[in-house]
Amino acid sequence: MHRARRAAAVGVLGLAAVGLAACTSGPPTPTDPVLAKGQQIYNNRCQACHGPSGEGLTAPAFYGIAERMTLEQHEAVIAQGRDGTRMPAFADSLSQDDIEAVARYEREVIGVRN
């Protein structure tokens, strides 16, 4: 009996580890150089709060972001942050090209993933 419970526990833990690994891996690197740059910025600056695949951890998910705000609004949030939230402003640390790249990545890659 003890051996059966132990085997079941090991099986559950193994499945949990597989699920965690799947949950922490993001999308493959895009072939479009602008989207690849956006992914790199996202991985370094955004995924800690928004999640590796944009699923939302301590910050909102990106699924359907293009339906919720325009590209210009999205870029403004990245540049200026959001008052009253943990979303910082990146205008002083990212170029406009970087902001455009990460916004496109969030909208075109992780915002449309199911």
PDB file of N, CA and C in Angstrom:
ATOM      1  N   MET A   1       0.828  -1.190   0.000  1.00  0.00           N
ATOM      2  CA  MET A   1       0.000   0.000   0.000  1.00  0.00           C
ATOM      3  C   MET A   1       0.871   1.251   0.000  1.00  0.00           C
ATOM      4  N   HIS A   2       1.881   1.283   0.876  1.00  0.00           N
ATOM      5  CA  HIS A   2       2.768   2.436   0.972  1.00  0.00           C
ATOM      6  C   HIS A   2       3.477   2.680  -0.365  1.00  0.00           C
ATOM      7  N   ARG A   3       3.925   1.617  -1.010  1.00  0.00           N
ATOM      8  CA  ARG A   3       4.630   1.723  -2.285  1.00  0.00           C
ATOM      9  C   ARG A   3       3.704   2.292  -3.368  1.00  0.00           C
ATOM     10  N   ALA A   4       2.431   1.911  -3.367  1.00  0.00           N
ATOM     11  CA  ALA A   4       1.468   2.406  -4.354  1.00  0.00           C
ATOM     12  C   ALA A   4       1.235   3.906  -4.179  1.00  0.00           C
ATOM     13  N   ARG A   5       1.109   4.372  -2.944  1.00  0.00           N
ATOM     14  CA  ARG A   5       0.922   5.814  -2.694  1.00  0.00           C
ATOM     15  C   ARG A   5       2.149   6.600  -3.132  1.00  0.00           C
ATOM     16  N   ARG A   6       3.310   6.033  -2.846  1.00  0.00           N
ATOM     17  CA  ARG A   6       4.553   6.698  -3.222  1.00  0.00           C
ATOM     18  C   ARG A   6       4.654   6.819  -4.747  1.00  0.00           C
ATOM     19  N   ALA A   7       4.319   5.771  -5.471  1.00  0.00           N
ATOM     20  CA  ALA A   7       4.355   5.798  -6.937  1.00  0.00           C
ATOM     21  C   ALA A   7       3.359   6.814  -7.485  1.00  0.00           C
ATOM     22  N   ALA A   8       2.193   6.876  -6.862  1.00  0.00           N
ATOM     23  CA  ALA A   8       1.197   7.850  -7.306  1.00  0.00           C
ATOM     24  C   ALA A   8       1.689   9.267  -7.066  1.00  0.00           C
ATOM     25  N   ALA A   9       2.315   9.511  -5.924  1.00  0.00           N
ATOM     26  CA  ALA A   9       2.841  10.844  -5.608  1.00  0.00           C
ATOM     27  C   ALA A   9       3.935  11.236  -6.588  1.00  0.00           C
ATOM     28  N   VAL A  10       4.829  10.308  -6.895  1.00  0.00           N
ATOM     29  CA  VAL A  10       5.894  10.582  -7.867  1.00  0.00           C
ATOM     30  C   VAL A  10       5.286  10.906  -9.223  1.00  0.00           C
ATOM     31  N   GLY A  11       4.253  10.178  -9.625  1.00  0.00           N
ATOM     32  CA  GLY A  11       3.587  10.441 -10.902  1.00  0.00           C
ATOM     33  C   GLY A  11       2.959  11.816 -10.936  1.00  0.00           C
ATOM     34  N   VAL A  12       2.289  12.212  -9.858  1.00  0.00           N
ATOM     35  CA  VAL A  12       1.665  13.541  -9.797  1.00  0.00           C
ATOM     36  C   VAL A  12       2.721  14.621  -9.832  1.00  0.00           C
ATOM     37  N   LEU A  13       3.794  14.457  -9.079  1.00  0.00           N
ATOM     38  CA  LEU A  13       4.865  15.445  -9.081  1.00  0.00           C
ATOM     39  C   LEU A  13       5.515  15.545 -10.454  1.00  0.00           C
ATOM     40  N   GLY A  14       5.679  14.420 -11.111  1.00  0.00           N
ATOM     41  CA  GLY A  14       6.251  14.436 -12.462  1.00  0.00           C
ATOM     42  C   GLY A  14       5.371  15.196 -13.430  1.00  0.00           C
ATOM     43  N   LEU A  15       4.057  14.982 -13.365  1.00  0.00           N
ATOM     44  CA  LEU A  15       3.128  15.715 -14.227  1.00  0.00           C
ATOM     45  C   LEU A  15       3.138  17.198 -13.900  1.00  0.00           C
ATOM     46  N   ALA A  16       3.239  17.540 -12.631  1.00  0.00           N
ATOM     47  CA  ALA A  16       3.295  18.952 -12.236  1.00  0.00           C
ATOM     48  C   ALA A  16       4.547  19.598 -12.791  1.00  0.00           C
ATOM     49  N   ALA A  17       5.669  18.900 -12.752  1.00  0.00           N
ATOM     50  CA  ALA A  17       6.913  19.452 -13.282  1.00  0.00           C
ATOM     51  C   ALA A  17       6.816  19.662 -14.785  1.00  0.00           C
ATOM     52  N   VAL A  18       6.216  18.724 -15.489  1.00  0.00           N
ATOM     53  CA  VAL A  18       6.031  18.874 -16.931  1.00  0.00           C
ATOM     54  C   VAL A  18       5.133  20.076 -17.216  1.00  0.00           C
ATOM     55  N   GLY A  19       4.066  20.217 -16.460  1.00  0.00           N
ATOM     56  CA  GLY A  19       3.168  21.357 -16.635  1.00  0.00           C
ATOM     57  C   GLY A  19       3.856  22.666 -16.359  1.00  0.00           C
ATOM     58  N   LEU A  20       4.701  22.715 -15.330  1.00  0.00           N
ATOM     59  CA  LEU A  20       5.433  23.928 -15.006  1.00  0.00           C
ATOM     60  C   LEU A  20       6.401  24.270 -16.119  1.00  0.00           C
ATOM     61  N   ALA A  21       7.084  23.273 -16.660  1.00  0.00           N
ATOM     62  CA  ALA A  21       8.014  23.535 -17.758  1.00  0.00           C
ATOM     63  C   ALA A  21       7.272  24.079 -18.961  1.00  0.00           C
ATOM     64  N   ALA A  22       6.113  23.540 -19.273  1.00  0.00           N
ATOM     65  CA  ALA A  22       5.336  24.012 -20.416  1.00  0.00           C
ATOM     66  C   ALA A  22       4.836  25.421 -20.171  1.00  0.00           C
ATOM     67  N   CYS A  23       4.512  25.717 -18.942  1.00  0.00           N
ATOM     68  CA  CYS A  23       3.969  27.017 -18.580  1.00  0.00           C
ATOM     69  C   CYS A  23       5.028  28.119 -18.640  1.00  0.00           C
ATOM     70  N   THR A  24       6.308  27.775 -18.427  1.00  0.00           N
ATOM     71  CA  THR A  24       7.345  28.790 -18.362  1.00  0.00           C
ATOM     72  C   THR A  24       8.081  28.978 -19.678  1.00  0.00           C
ATOM     73  N   SER A  25       7.751  28.239 -20.699  1.00  0.00           N
ATOM     74  CA  SER A  25       8.413  28.432 -21.974  1.00  0.00           C
ATOM     75  C   SER A  25       7.546  29.315 -22.856  1.00  0.00           C
ATOM     76  N   GLY A  26       8.191  30.287 -23.479  1.00  0.00           N
ATOM     77  CA  GLY A  26       7.468  31.199 -24.340  1.00  0.00           C
ATOM     78  C   GLY A  26       7.449  30.709 -25.765  1.00  0.00           C
ATOM     79  N   PRO A  27       6.919  31.550 -26.644  1.00  0.00           N
ATOM     80  CA  PRO A  27       6.848  31.188 -28.062  1.00  0.00           C
ATOM     81  C   PRO A  27       8.237  31.083 -28.696  1.00  0.00           C
ATOM     82  N   PRO A  28       8.356  30.367 -29.818  1.00  0.00           N
ATOM     83  CA  PRO A  28       9.636  30.298 -30.513  1.00  0.00           C
ATOM     84  C   PRO A  28      10.025  31.679 -31.050  1.00  0.00           C
ATOM     85  N   THR A  29      11.296  31.856 -31.335  1.00  0.00           N
ATOM     86  CA  THR A  29      11.787  33.133 -31.839  1.00  0.00           C
ATOM     87  C   THR A  29      11.198  33.413 -33.220  1.00  0.00           C
ATOM     88  N   PRO A  30      10.566  34.578 -33.388  1.00  0.00           N
ATOM     89  CA  PRO A  30       9.996  34.930 -34.698  1.00  0.00           C
ATOM     90  C   PRO A  30      11.095  35.130 -35.744  1.00  0.00           C
ATOM     91  N   THR A  31      10.756  34.908 -37.014  1.00  0.00           N
ATOM     92  CA  THR A  31      11.720  35.124 -38.091  1.00  0.00           C
ATOM     93  C   THR A  31      11.802  36.596 -38.488  1.00  0.00           C
ATOM     94  N   ASP A  32      10.745  37.362 -38.265  1.00  0.00           N
ATOM     95  CA  ASP A  32      10.758  38.804 -38.531  1.00  0.00           C
ATOM     96  C   ASP A  32      11.721  39.457 -37.533  1.00  0.00           C
ATOM     97  N   PRO A  33      12.752  40.193 -38.014  1.00  0.00           N
ATOM     98  CA  PRO A  33      13.747  40.759 -37.100  1.00  0.00           C
ATOM     99  C   PRO A  33      13.164  41.749 -36.081  1.00  0.00           C
ATOM    100  N   VAL A  34      12.140  42.481 -36.455  1.00  0.00           N
ATOM    101  CA  VAL A  34      11.520  43.420 -35.513  1.00  0.00           C
ATOM    102  C   VAL A  34      10.805  42.653 -34.405  1.00  0.00           C
ATOM    103  N   LEU A  35      10.079  41.599 -34.769  1.00  0.00           N
ATOM    104  CA  LEU A  35       9.404  40.787 -33.762  1.00  0.00           C
ATOM    105  C   LEU A  35      10.405  40.038 -32.881  1.00  0.00           C
ATOM    106  N   ALA A  36      11.523  39.590 -33.453  1.00  0.00           N
ATOM    107  CA  ALA A  36      12.568  38.923 -32.665  1.00  0.00           C
ATOM    108  C   ALA A  36      13.167  39.901 -31.655  1.00  0.00           C
ATOM    109  N   LYS A  37      13.373  41.143 -32.079  1.00  0.00           N
ATOM    110  CA  LYS A  37      13.863  42.177 -31.162  1.00  0.00           C
ATOM    111  C   LYS A  37      12.830  42.431 -30.060  1.00  0.00           C
ATOM    112  N   GLY A  38      11.567  42.493 -30.443  1.00  0.00           N
ATOM    113  CA  GLY A  38      10.499  42.682 -29.467  1.00  0.00           C
ATOM    114  C   GLY A  38      10.450  41.547 -28.462  1.00  0.00           C
ATOM    115  N   GLN A  39      10.653  40.316 -28.938  1.00  0.00           N
ATOM    116  CA  GLN A  39      10.673  39.165 -28.039  1.00  0.00           C
ATOM    117  C   GLN A  39      11.821  39.275 -27.036  1.00  0.00           C
ATOM    118  N   GLN A  40      12.977  39.675 -27.510  1.00  0.00           N
ATOM    119  CA  GLN A  40      14.131  39.811 -26.618  1.00  0.00           C
ATOM    120  C   GLN A  40      13.852  40.855 -25.528  1.00  0.00           C
ATOM    121  N   ILE A  41      13.304  41.985 -25.919  1.00  0.00           N
ATOM    122  CA  ILE A  41      12.957  43.031 -24.949  1.00  0.00           C
ATOM    123  C   ILE A  41      11.893  42.514 -23.987  1.00  0.00           C
ATOM    124  N   TYR A  42      10.864  41.861 -24.519  1.00  0.00           N
ATOM    125  CA  TYR A  42       9.792  41.311 -23.692  1.00  0.00           C
ATOM    126  C   TYR A  42      10.367  40.336 -22.665  1.00  0.00           C
ATOM    127  N   ASN A  43      11.222  39.430 -23.110  1.00  0.00           N
ATOM    128  CA  ASN A  43      11.795  38.436 -22.209  1.00  0.00           C
ATOM    129  C   ASN A  43      12.612  39.092 -21.096  1.00  0.00           C
ATOM    130  N   ASN A  44      13.304  40.181 -21.412  1.00  0.00           N
ATOM    131  CA  ASN A  44      14.146  40.864 -20.429  1.00  0.00           C
ATOM    132  C   ASN A  44      13.387  41.830 -19.532  1.00  0.00           C
ATOM    133  N   ARG A  45      12.311  42.424 -20.030  1.00  0.00           N
ATOM    134  CA  ARG A  45      11.663  43.505 -19.296  1.00  0.00           C
ATOM    135  C   ARG A  45      10.226  43.239 -18.860  1.00  0.00           C
ATOM    136  N   CYS A  46       9.526  42.335 -19.542  1.00  0.00           N
ATOM    137  CA  CYS A  46       8.074  42.231 -19.353  1.00  0.00           C
ATOM    138  C   CYS A  46       7.585  40.905 -18.790  1.00  0.00           C
ATOM    139  N   GLN A  47       8.272  39.822 -19.123  1.00  0.00           N
ATOM    140  CA  GLN A  47       7.724  38.505 -18.803  1.00  0.00           C
ATOM    141  C   GLN A  47       7.636  38.225 -17.313  1.00  0.00           C
ATOM    142  N   ALA A  48       8.423  38.870 -16.481  1.00  0.00           N
ATOM    143  CA  ALA A  48       8.349  38.610 -15.042  1.00  0.00           C
ATOM    144  C   ALA A  48       6.951  38.903 -14.500  1.00  0.00           C
ATOM    145  N   CYS A  49       6.295  39.915 -15.053  1.00  0.00           N
ATOM    146  CA  CYS A  49       4.942  40.269 -14.601  1.00  0.00           C
ATOM    147  C   CYS A  49       3.854  39.734 -15.534  1.00  0.00           C
ATOM    148  N   HIS A  50       4.100  39.790 -16.842  1.00  0.00           N
ATOM    149  CA  HIS A  50       3.074  39.403 -17.815  1.00  0.00           C
ATOM    150  C   HIS A  50       3.122  37.924 -18.198  1.00  0.00           C
ATOM    151  N   GLY A  51       4.181  37.217 -17.775  1.00  0.00           N
ATOM    152  CA  GLY A  51       4.292  35.793 -18.067  1.00  0.00           C
ATOM    153  C   GLY A  51       5.062  35.514 -19.341  1.00  0.00           C
ATOM    154  N   PRO A  52       5.724  34.359 -19.429  1.00  0.00           N
ATOM    155  CA  PRO A  52       6.532  34.005 -20.591  1.00  0.00           C
ATOM    156  C   PRO A  52       5.763  34.001 -21.913  1.00  0.00           C
ATOM    157  N   SER A  53       4.485  33.686 -21.845  1.00  0.00           N
ATOM    158  CA  SER A  53       3.665  33.643 -23.056  1.00  0.00           C
ATOM    159  C   SER A  53       2.560  34.699 -23.040  1.00  0.00           C
ATOM    160  N   GLY A  54       2.723  35.712 -22.196  1.00  0.00           N
ATOM    161  CA  GLY A  54       1.725  36.772 -22.136  1.00  0.00           C
ATOM    162  C   GLY A  54       0.453  36.383 -21.423  1.00  0.00           C
ATOM    163  N   GLU A  55       0.507  35.304 -20.629  1.00  0.00           N
ATOM    164  CA  GLU A  55      -0.684  34.787 -19.963  1.00  0.00           C
ATOM    165  C   GLU A  55      -1.088  35.597 -18.740  1.00  0.00           C
ATOM    166  N   GLY A  56      -0.228  36.517 -18.312  1.00  0.00           N
ATOM    167  CA  GLY A  56      -0.527  37.332 -17.140  1.00  0.00           C
ATOM    168  C   GLY A  56      -0.177  36.604 -15.859  1.00  0.00           C
ATOM    169  N   LEU A  57       0.705  37.172 -15.086  1.00  0.00           N
ATOM    170  CA  LEU A  57       1.049  36.617 -13.774  1.00  0.00           C
ATOM    171  C   LEU A  57       0.560  37.613 -12.728  1.00  0.00           C
ATOM    172  N   THR A  58       1.355  38.669 -12.515  1.00  0.00           N
ATOM    173  CA  THR A  58       0.930  39.735 -11.601  1.00  0.00           C
ATOM    174  C   THR A  58       0.446  40.950 -12.369  1.00  0.00           C
ATOM    175  N   ALA A  59       0.444  40.860 -13.681  1.00  0.00           N
ATOM    176  CA  ALA A  59      -0.008  41.933 -14.564  1.00  0.00           C
ATOM    177  C   ALA A  59      -0.976  41.330 -15.589  1.00  0.00           C
ATOM    178  N   PRO A  60      -1.724  42.165 -16.305  1.00  0.00           N
ATOM    179  CA  PRO A  60      -2.714  41.650 -17.258  1.00  0.00           C
ATOM    180  C   PRO A  60      -2.112  40.762 -18.360  1.00  0.00           C
ATOM    181  N   ALA A  61      -2.931  39.855 -18.850  1.00  0.00           N
ATOM    182  CA  ALA A  61      -2.568  39.010 -19.985  1.00  0.00           C
ATOM    183  C   ALA A  61      -2.672  39.824 -21.274  1.00  0.00           C
ATOM    184  N   PHE A  62      -1.968  39.367 -22.291  1.00  0.00           N
ATOM    185  CA  PHE A  62      -1.992  40.055 -23.585  1.00  0.00           C
ATOM    186  C   PHE A  62      -2.951  39.437 -24.592  1.00  0.00           C
ATOM    187  N   TYR A  63      -3.611  38.343 -24.241  1.00  0.00           N
ATOM    188  CA  TYR A  63      -4.541  37.732 -25.182  1.00  0.00           C
ATOM    189  C   TYR A  63      -5.604  38.754 -25.577  1.00  0.00           C
ATOM    190  N   GLY A  64      -5.767  38.958 -26.862  1.00  0.00           N
ATOM    191  CA  GLY A  64      -6.772  39.896 -27.357  1.00  0.00           C
ATOM    192  C   GLY A  64      -6.427  41.362 -27.179  1.00  0.00           C
ATOM    193  N   ILE A  65      -5.162  41.672 -26.955  1.00  0.00           N
ATOM    194  CA  ILE A  65      -4.748  43.059 -26.703  1.00  0.00           C
ATOM    195  C   ILE A  65      -5.112  43.980 -27.863  1.00  0.00           C
ATOM    196  N   ALA A  66      -5.023  43.494 -29.097  1.00  0.00           N
ATOM    197  CA  ALA A  66      -5.319  44.335 -30.265  1.00  0.00           C
ATOM    198  C   ALA A  66      -6.781  44.748 -30.316  1.00  0.00           C
ATOM    199  N   GLU A  67      -7.661  43.976 -29.691  1.00  0.00           N
ATOM    200  CA  GLU A  67      -9.080  44.345 -29.647  1.00  0.00           C
ATOM    201  C   GLU A  67      -9.370  45.329 -28.506  1.00  0.00           C
ATOM    202  N   ARG A  68      -8.491  45.371 -27.518  1.00  0.00           N
ATOM    203  CA  ARG A  68      -8.727  46.226 -26.353  1.00  0.00           C
ATOM    204  C   ARG A  68      -8.153  47.626 -26.484  1.00  0.00           C
ATOM    205  N   MET A  69      -7.084  47.766 -27.291  1.00  0.00           N
ATOM    206  CA  MET A  69      -6.480  49.092 -27.454  1.00  0.00           C
ATOM    207  C   MET A  69      -5.776  49.185 -28.799  1.00  0.00           C
ATOM    208  N   THR A  70      -5.636  50.415 -29.271  1.00  0.00           N
ATOM    209  CA  THR A  70      -4.940  50.640 -30.535  1.00  0.00           C
ATOM    210  C   THR A  70      -3.435  50.461 -30.322  1.00  0.00           C
ATOM    211  N   LEU A  71      -2.706  50.352 -31.424  1.00  0.00           N
ATOM    212  CA  LEU A  71      -1.249  50.262 -31.348  1.00  0.00           C
ATOM    213  C   LEU A  71      -0.686  51.502 -30.659  1.00  0.00           C
ATOM    214  N   GLU A  72      -1.209  52.662 -30.977  1.00  0.00           N
ATOM    215  CA  GLU A  72      -0.720  53.915 -30.383  1.00  0.00           C
ATOM    216  C   GLU A  72      -0.963  53.921 -28.871  1.00  0.00           C
ATOM    217  N   GLN A  73      -2.126  53.470 -28.434  1.00  0.00           N
ATOM    218  CA  GLN A  73      -2.411  53.386 -26.999  1.00  0.00           C
ATOM    219  C   GLN A  73      -1.470  52.399 -26.313  1.00  0.00           C
ATOM    220  N   HIS A  74      -1.244  51.292 -26.962  1.00  0.00           N
ATOM    221  CA  HIS A  74      -0.361  50.252 -26.415  1.00  0.00           C
ATOM    222  C   HIS A  74       1.056  50.807 -26.249  1.00  0.00           C
ATOM    223  N   GLU A  75       1.573  51.466 -27.283  1.00  0.00           N
ATOM    224  CA  GLU A  75       2.906  52.045 -27.204  1.00  0.00           C
ATOM    225  C   GLU A  75       2.986  53.113 -26.114  1.00  0.00           C
ATOM    226  N   ALA A  76       1.910  53.888 -25.940  1.00  0.00           N
ATOM    227  CA  ALA A  76       1.886  54.913 -24.897  1.00  0.00           C
ATOM    228  C   ALA A  76       1.969  54.291 -23.507  1.00  0.00           C
ATOM    229  N   VAL A  77       1.295  53.171 -23.300  1.00  0.00           N
ATOM    230  CA  VAL A  77       1.360  52.488 -21.999  1.00  0.00           C
ATOM    231  C   VAL A  77       2.789  52.020 -21.728  1.00  0.00           C
ATOM    232  N   ILE A  78       3.436  51.459 -22.739  1.00  0.00           N
ATOM    233  CA  ILE A  78       4.820  51.006 -22.568  1.00  0.00           C
ATOM    234  C   ILE A  78       5.719  52.201 -22.266  1.00  0.00           C
ATOM    235  N   ALA A  79       5.558  53.277 -22.992  1.00  0.00           N
ATOM    236  CA  ALA A  79       6.419  54.452 -22.821  1.00  0.00           C
ATOM    237  C   ALA A  79       6.164  55.177 -21.499  1.00  0.00           C
ATOM    238  N   GLN A  80       4.888  55.357 -21.149  1.00  0.00           N
ATOM    239  CA  GLN A  80       4.527  56.199 -20.006  1.00  0.00           C
ATOM    240  C   GLN A  80       4.160  55.424 -18.744  1.00  0.00           C
ATOM    241  N   GLY A  81       3.957  54.126 -18.853  1.00  0.00           N
ATOM    242  CA  GLY A  81       3.523  53.337 -17.712  1.00  0.00           C
ATOM    243  C   GLY A  81       2.051  53.577 -17.428  1.00  0.00           C
ATOM    244  N   ARG A  82       1.587  53.070 -16.304  1.00  0.00           N
ATOM    245  CA  ARG A  82       0.186  53.260 -15.887  1.00  0.00           C
ATOM    246  C   ARG A  82       0.172  53.706 -14.439  1.00  0.00           C
ATOM    247  N   ASP A  83      -0.380  54.887 -14.205  1.00  0.00           N
ATOM    248  CA  ASP A  83      -0.508  55.399 -12.839  1.00  0.00           C
ATOM    249  C   ASP A  83      -1.357  54.460 -12.004  1.00  0.00           C
ATOM    250  N   GLY A  84      -0.967  54.299 -10.752  1.00  0.00           N
ATOM    251  CA  GLY A  84      -1.736  53.477  -9.828  1.00  0.00           C
ATOM    252  C   GLY A  84      -1.528  51.982  -9.991  1.00  0.00           C
ATOM    253  N   THR A  85      -0.589  51.582 -10.864  1.00  0.00           N
ATOM    254  CA  THR A  85      -0.289  50.165 -11.069  1.00  0.00           C
ATOM    255  C   THR A  85       1.223  49.959 -10.956  1.00  0.00           C
ATOM    256  N   ARG A  86       1.641  48.721 -11.084  1.00  0.00           N
ATOM    257  CA  ARG A  86       3.080  48.413 -11.071  1.00  0.00           C
ATOM    258  C   ARG A  86       3.723  48.583 -12.441  1.00  0.00           C
ATOM    259  N   MET A  87       2.943  48.989 -13.461  1.00  0.00           N
ATOM    260  CA  MET A  87       3.483  49.146 -14.818  1.00  0.00           C
ATOM    261  C   MET A  87       4.374  50.377 -14.874  1.00  0.00           C
ATOM    262  N   PRO A  88       5.705  50.167 -15.054  1.00  0.00           N
ATOM    263  CA  PRO A  88       6.624  51.299 -15.103  1.00  0.00           C
ATOM    264  C   PRO A  88       6.651  51.948 -16.489  1.00  0.00           C
ATOM    265  N   ALA A  89       7.175  53.154 -16.541  1.00  0.00           N
ATOM    266  CA  ALA A  89       7.407  53.847 -17.809  1.00  0.00           C
ATOM    267  C   ALA A  89       8.759  53.402 -18.357  1.00  0.00           C
ATOM    268  N   PHE A  90       8.810  53.124 -19.645  1.00  0.00           N
ATOM    269  CA  PHE A  90      10.052  52.685 -20.275  1.00  0.00           C
ATOM    270  C   PHE A  90      10.615  53.712 -21.256  1.00  0.00           C
ATOM    271  N   ALA A  91      10.019  54.903 -21.345  1.00  0.00           N
ATOM    272  CA  ALA A  91      10.477  55.907 -22.308  1.00  0.00           C
ATOM    273  C   ALA A  91      11.931  56.312 -22.083  1.00  0.00           C
ATOM    274  N   ASP A  92      12.396  56.270 -20.843  1.00  0.00           N
ATOM    275  CA  ASP A  92      13.779  56.664 -20.552  1.00  0.00           C
ATOM    276  C   ASP A  92      14.781  55.529 -20.756  1.00  0.00           C
ATOM    277  N   SER A  93      14.297  54.295 -20.870  1.00  0.00           N
ATOM    278  CA  SER A  93      15.226  53.172 -20.991  1.00  0.00           C
ATOM    279  C   SER A  93      15.098  52.399 -22.305  1.00  0.00           C
ATOM    280  N   LEU A  94      14.054  52.667 -23.070  1.00  0.00           N
ATOM    281  CA  LEU A  94      13.871  52.029 -24.374  1.00  0.00           C
ATOM    282  C   LEU A  94      13.724  53.104 -25.443  1.00  0.00           C
ATOM    283  N   SER A  95      14.300  52.848 -26.607  1.00  0.00           N
ATOM    284  CA  SER A  95      14.122  53.766 -27.736  1.00  0.00           C
ATOM    285  C   SER A  95      12.701  53.609 -28.293  1.00  0.00           C
ATOM    286  N   GLN A  96      12.300  54.545 -29.118  1.00  0.00           N
ATOM    287  CA  GLN A  96      10.983  54.430 -29.755  1.00  0.00           C
ATOM    288  C   GLN A  96      10.909  53.167 -30.614  1.00  0.00           C
ATOM    289  N   ASP A  97      12.000  52.821 -31.297  1.00  0.00           N
ATOM    290  CA  ASP A  97      12.044  51.583 -32.083  1.00  0.00           C
ATOM    291  C   ASP A  97      11.850  50.355 -31.192  1.00  0.00           C
ATOM    292  N   ASP A  98      12.472  50.373 -30.007  1.00  0.00           N
ATOM    293  CA  ASP A  98      12.314  49.261 -29.067  1.00  0.00           C
ATOM    294  C   ASP A  98      10.867  49.163 -28.587  1.00  0.00           C
ATOM    295  N   ILE A  99      10.256  50.300 -28.274  1.00  0.00           N
ATOM    296  CA  ILE A  99       8.865  50.317 -27.817  1.00  0.00           C
ATOM    297  C   ILE A  99       7.944  49.773 -28.901  1.00  0.00           C
ATOM    298  N   GLU A 100       8.170  50.200 -30.143  1.00  0.00           N
ATOM    299  CA  GLU A 100       7.369  49.691 -31.257  1.00  0.00           C
ATOM    300  C   GLU A 100       7.564  48.189 -31.438  1.00  0.00           C
ATOM    301  N   ALA A 101       8.808  47.713 -31.288  1.00  0.00           N
ATOM    302  CA  ALA A 101       9.091  46.280 -31.468  1.00  0.00           C
ATOM    303  C   ALA A 101       8.400  45.441 -30.400  1.00  0.00           C
ATOM    304  N   VAL A 102       8.471  45.858 -29.147  1.00  0.00           N
ATOM    305  CA  VAL A 102       7.849  45.061 -28.084  1.00  0.00           C
ATOM    306  C   VAL A 102       6.323  45.132 -28.184  1.00  0.00           C
ATOM    307  N   ALA A 103       5.785  46.280 -28.569  1.00  0.00           N
ATOM    308  CA  ALA A 103       4.323  46.375 -28.742  1.00  0.00           C
ATOM    309  C   ALA A 103       3.861  45.445 -29.859  1.00  0.00           C
ATOM    310  N   ARG A 104       4.583  45.434 -30.974  1.00  0.00           N
ATOM    311  CA  ARG A 104       4.221  44.536 -32.079  1.00  0.00           C
ATOM    312  C   ARG A 104       4.311  43.080 -31.642  1.00  0.00           C
ATOM    313  N   TYR A 105       5.370  42.737 -30.905  1.00  0.00           N
ATOM    314  CA  TYR A 105       5.520  41.358 -30.428  1.00  0.00           C
ATOM    315  C   TYR A 105       4.348  40.979 -29.523  1.00  0.00           C
ATOM    316  N   GLU A 106       4.003  41.854 -28.592  1.00  0.00           N
ATOM    317  CA  GLU A 106       2.901  41.576 -27.677  1.00  0.00           C
ATOM    318  C   GLU A 106       1.575  41.417 -28.424  1.00  0.00           C
ATOM    319  N   ARG A 107       1.379  42.194 -29.472  1.00  0.00           N
ATOM    320  CA  ARG A 107       0.126  42.175 -30.224  1.00  0.00           C
ATOM    321  C   ARG A 107       0.068  41.039 -31.245  1.00  0.00           C
ATOM    322  N   GLU A 108       1.162  40.837 -31.976  1.00  0.00           N
ATOM    323  CA  GLU A 108       1.171  39.930 -33.129  1.00  0.00           C
ATOM    324  C   GLU A 108       1.588  38.502 -32.803  1.00  0.00           C
ATOM    325  N   VAL A 109       2.289  38.315 -31.687  1.00  0.00           N
ATOM    326  CA  VAL A 109       2.754  36.973 -31.353  1.00  0.00           C
ATOM    327  C   VAL A 109       2.032  36.457 -30.107  1.00  0.00           C
ATOM    328  N   ILE A 110       2.265  37.069 -28.966  1.00  0.00           N
ATOM    329  CA  ILE A 110       1.677  36.514 -27.756  1.00  0.00           C
ATOM    330  C   ILE A 110       0.223  36.942 -27.540  1.00  0.00           C
ATOM    331  N   GLY A 111      -0.194  38.018 -28.160  1.00  0.00           N
ATOM    332  CA  GLY A 111      -1.591  38.461 -28.005  1.00  0.00           C
ATOM    333  C   GLY A 111      -2.586  37.630 -28.781  1.00  0.00           C
ATOM    334  N   VAL A 112      -2.109  36.801 -29.696  1.00  0.00           N
ATOM    335  CA  VAL A 112      -3.013  35.980 -30.506  1.00  0.00           C
ATOM    336  C   VAL A 112      -2.866  34.495 -30.204  1.00  0.00           C
ATOM    337  N   ARG A 113      -1.939  34.123 -29.329  1.00  0.00           N
ATOM    338  CA  ARG A 113      -1.746  32.702 -28.978  1.00  0.00           C
ATOM    339  C   ARG A 113      -2.921  32.202 -28.163  1.00  0.00           C
ATOM    340  N   ASN A 114      -3.292  30.967 -28.358  1.00  0.00           N
ATOM    341  CA  ASN A 114      -4.376  30.357 -27.569  1.00  0.00           C
ATOM    342  C   ASN A 114      -3.794  29.423 -26.531  1.00  0.00           C
TER     343      ASN A 114
END
